[in-house]
């Protein structure tokens, strides 16, 4: 079955950087567009970034454009999110997901604080 396991979160100061990873299994990773979502306390889950499968076209939410970069390694079935210039408002649990999949992995907590 589809499995998505996020990692790489942690506590970072404002202005810092983190790299999130998502290990995918149970489906042909290279055949699917992949996305990162996040959910902050008391807020709805929101899409942060998407990367297509065929030609690596990317999309970003306005709130992270220019600071976050999504990428994928089809040889290792792994999705990445490089986060730079982190702000307090980036604090959330981050999830990866696949198109046409209704489930979620456990997520990874990102906390931006001094």
C-alpha atoms as a PDB file:
ATOM      1  CA  UNK A   1       0.000   0.000   0.000  1.00  0.00           C
ATOM      2  CA  UNK A   2       0.972   3.655  -0.302  1.00  0.00           C
ATOM      3  CA  UNK A   3       3.372   4.779   2.400  1.00  0.00           C
ATOM      4  CA  UNK A   4       4.691   8.283   2.885  1.00  0.00           C
ATOM      5  CA  UNK A   5       7.104   9.054   5.706  1.00  0.00           C
ATOM      6  CA  UNK A   6       8.242  12.607   6.313  1.00  0.00           C
ATOM      7  CA  UNK A   7      11.412  13.561   8.168  1.00  0.00           C
ATOM      8  CA  UNK A   8      13.800  16.441   8.694  1.00  0.00           C
ATOM      9  CA  UNK A   9      11.714  18.760  10.826  1.00  0.00           C
ATOM     10  CA  UNK A  10      12.947  20.431  13.977  1.00  0.00           C
ATOM     11  CA  UNK A  11      13.425  23.657  15.866  1.00  0.00           C
ATOM     12  CA  UNK A  12      15.100  26.450  13.934  1.00  0.00           C
ATOM     13  CA  UNK A  13      15.591  30.168  14.495  1.00  0.00           C
ATOM     14  CA  UNK A  14      13.940  32.737  12.255  1.00  0.00           C
ATOM     15  CA  UNK A  15      16.010  33.142   9.113  1.00  0.00           C
ATOM     16  CA  UNK A  16      17.284  29.594   9.332  1.00  0.00           C
ATOM     17  CA  UNK A  17      16.974  26.681   6.947  1.00  0.00           C
ATOM     18  CA  UNK A  18      15.737  23.109   6.966  1.00  0.00           C
ATOM     19  CA  UNK A  19      15.477  20.303   4.449  1.00  0.00           C
ATOM     20  CA  UNK A  20      12.475  18.032   4.676  1.00  0.00           C
ATOM     21  CA  UNK A  21      12.405  14.577   3.108  1.00  0.00           C
ATOM     22  CA  UNK A  22       9.529  12.273   2.220  1.00  0.00           C
ATOM     23  CA  UNK A  23      10.249   8.603   1.624  1.00  0.00           C
ATOM     24  CA  UNK A  24       7.610   7.090  -0.635  1.00  0.00           C
ATOM     25  CA  UNK A  25       6.800   3.438  -1.228  1.00  0.00           C
ATOM     26  CA  UNK A  26       4.015   1.181  -2.450  1.00  0.00           C
ATOM     27  CA  UNK A  27       3.451   2.925  -5.783  1.00  0.00           C
ATOM     28  CA  UNK A  28       5.431   3.970  -8.897  1.00  0.00           C
ATOM     29  CA  UNK A  29       6.775   7.244  -7.520  1.00  0.00           C
ATOM     30  CA  UNK A  30       7.939   8.624 -10.861  1.00  0.00           C
ATOM     31  CA  UNK A  31       4.388   8.381 -12.264  1.00  0.00           C
ATOM     32  CA  UNK A  32       2.829  10.850  -9.836  1.00  0.00           C
ATOM     33  CA  UNK A  33       2.924  14.536  -9.094  1.00  0.00           C
ATOM     34  CA  UNK A  34       3.786  15.120  -5.444  1.00  0.00           C
ATOM     35  CA  UNK A  35       3.005  17.905  -3.020  1.00  0.00           C
ATOM     36  CA  UNK A  36       3.894  19.284   0.369  1.00  0.00           C
ATOM     37  CA  UNK A  37       1.158  20.523   2.669  1.00  0.00           C
ATOM     38  CA  UNK A  38       1.328  22.027   6.131  1.00  0.00           C
ATOM     39  CA  UNK A  39      -1.020  22.515   9.039  1.00  0.00           C
ATOM     40  CA  UNK A  40      -0.454  25.094  11.740  1.00  0.00           C
ATOM     41  CA  UNK A  41      -2.227  24.893  15.109  1.00  0.00           C
ATOM     42  CA  UNK A  42      -5.829  25.979  14.786  1.00  0.00           C
ATOM     43  CA  UNK A  43      -5.619  26.338  11.008  1.00  0.00           C
ATOM     44  CA  UNK A  44      -6.658  24.254   8.047  1.00  0.00           C
ATOM     45  CA  UNK A  45      -4.148  22.218   6.135  1.00  0.00           C
ATOM     46  CA  UNK A  46      -2.776  24.184   3.186  1.00  0.00           C
ATOM     47  CA  UNK A  47      -0.819  23.256   0.099  1.00  0.00           C
ATOM     48  CA  UNK A  48       2.716  24.619   0.088  1.00  0.00           C
ATOM     49  CA  UNK A  49       4.315  23.264  -3.088  1.00  0.00           C
ATOM     50  CA  UNK A  50       3.765  20.779  -5.917  1.00  0.00           C
ATOM     51  CA  UNK A  51       6.083  19.161  -8.433  1.00  0.00           C
ATOM     52  CA  UNK A  52       4.866  17.317 -11.506  1.00  0.00           C
ATOM     53  CA  UNK A  53       6.069  13.889 -12.443  1.00  0.00           C
ATOM     54  CA  UNK A  54       6.812  14.246 -16.152  1.00  0.00           C
ATOM     55  CA  UNK A  55       8.843  17.426 -16.366  1.00  0.00           C
ATOM     56  CA  UNK A  56       9.337  18.677 -12.803  1.00  0.00           C
ATOM     57  CA  UNK A  57       7.162  21.744 -13.197  1.00  0.00           C
ATOM     58  CA  UNK A  58       6.710  23.364  -9.791  1.00  0.00           C
ATOM     59  CA  UNK A  59       4.052  25.429  -8.060  1.00  0.00           C
ATOM     60  CA  UNK A  60       4.381  27.347  -4.785  1.00  0.00           C
ATOM     61  CA  UNK A  61       2.012  29.070  -2.435  1.00  0.00           C
ATOM     62  CA  UNK A  62       2.580  32.820  -2.432  1.00  0.00           C
ATOM     63  CA  UNK A  63       3.569  32.668   1.221  1.00  0.00           C
ATOM     64  CA  UNK A  64       6.653  30.524   0.478  1.00  0.00           C
ATOM     65  CA  UNK A  65       7.547  31.562  -3.066  1.00  0.00           C
ATOM     66  CA  UNK A  66      11.222  32.471  -3.322  1.00  0.00           C
ATOM     67  CA  UNK A  67      12.056  30.822   0.011  1.00  0.00           C
ATOM     68  CA  UNK A  68      11.088  27.159  -0.448  1.00  0.00           C
ATOM     69  CA  UNK A  69      12.173  24.753  -3.172  1.00  0.00           C
ATOM     70  CA  UNK A  70      10.509  21.428  -3.922  1.00  0.00           C
ATOM     71  CA  UNK A  71      12.425  18.685  -5.694  1.00  0.00           C
ATOM     72  CA  UNK A  72      12.275  14.962  -6.247  1.00  0.00           C
ATOM     73  CA  UNK A  73      14.656  12.034  -6.689  1.00  0.00           C
ATOM     74  CA  UNK A  74      12.878   9.418  -8.764  1.00  0.00           C
ATOM     75  CA  UNK A  75      15.787   7.000  -8.442  1.00  0.00           C
ATOM     76  CA  UNK A  76      15.270   6.875  -4.686  1.00  0.00           C
ATOM     77  CA  UNK A  77      11.515   7.556  -4.467  1.00  0.00           C
ATOM     78  CA  UNK A  78      12.104  10.621  -2.316  1.00  0.00           C
ATOM     79  CA  UNK A  79      10.530  14.057  -2.258  1.00  0.00           C
ATOM     80  CA  UNK A  80      12.314  17.065  -0.749  1.00  0.00           C
ATOM     81  CA  UNK A  81      11.412  20.504   0.496  1.00  0.00           C
ATOM     82  CA  UNK A  82      14.240  22.955   0.994  1.00  0.00           C
ATOM     83  CA  UNK A  83      13.140  25.760   3.283  1.00  0.00           C
ATOM     84  CA  UNK A  84      15.187  28.937   3.589  1.00  0.00           C
ATOM     85  CA  UNK A  85      14.629  32.259   5.349  1.00  0.00           C
ATOM     86  CA  UNK A  86      12.200  30.575   7.694  1.00  0.00           C
ATOM     87  CA  UNK A  87       9.638  32.709   9.496  1.00  0.00           C
ATOM     88  CA  UNK A  88       7.651  32.108  12.662  1.00  0.00           C
ATOM     89  CA  UNK A  89       4.548  31.706  10.548  1.00  0.00           C
ATOM     90  CA  UNK A  90       6.124  28.685   8.848  1.00  0.00           C
ATOM     91  CA  UNK A  91       5.677  26.770  12.101  1.00  0.00           C
ATOM     92  CA  UNK A  92       3.473  23.778  11.308  1.00  0.00           C
ATOM     93  CA  UNK A  93       3.370  20.045  10.776  1.00  0.00           C
ATOM     94  CA  UNK A  94       4.489  19.353   7.223  1.00  0.00           C
ATOM     95  CA  UNK A  95       3.083  16.492   5.165  1.00  0.00           C
ATOM     96  CA  UNK A  96       3.823  15.102   1.740  1.00  0.00           C
ATOM     97  CA  UNK A  97       1.170  13.541  -0.427  1.00  0.00           C
ATOM     98  CA  UNK A  98       0.565  12.082  -3.843  1.00  0.00           C
ATOM     99  CA  UNK A  99      -2.059  13.051  -6.382  1.00  0.00           C
ATOM    100  CA  UNK A 100      -5.216  10.922  -6.212  1.00  0.00           C
ATOM    101  CA  UNK A 101      -4.436   9.701  -2.716  1.00  0.00           C
ATOM    102  CA  UNK A 102      -6.628  10.474   0.240  1.00  0.00           C
ATOM    103  CA  UNK A 103      -4.215   9.535   2.994  1.00  0.00           C
ATOM    104  CA  UNK A 104      -1.432  11.278   4.868  1.00  0.00           C
ATOM    105  CA  UNK A 105       1.813  10.279   6.450  1.00  0.00           C
ATOM    106  CA  UNK A 106       2.644  11.096  10.075  1.00  0.00           C
ATOM    107  CA  UNK A 107       4.102  14.470   9.143  1.00  0.00           C
ATOM    108  CA  UNK A 108       7.147  16.225  10.535  1.00  0.00           C
ATOM    109  CA  UNK A 109       7.022  19.163  12.929  1.00  0.00           C
ATOM    110  CA  UNK A 110       8.754  22.405  11.977  1.00  0.00           C
ATOM    111  CA  UNK A 111       9.029  25.030  14.695  1.00  0.00           C
ATOM    112  CA  UNK A 112      10.512  28.424  13.936  1.00  0.00           C
ATOM    113  CA  UNK A 113      11.359  30.225  17.154  1.00  0.00           C
ATOM    114  CA  UNK A 114      14.196  31.946  18.939  1.00  0.00           C
END
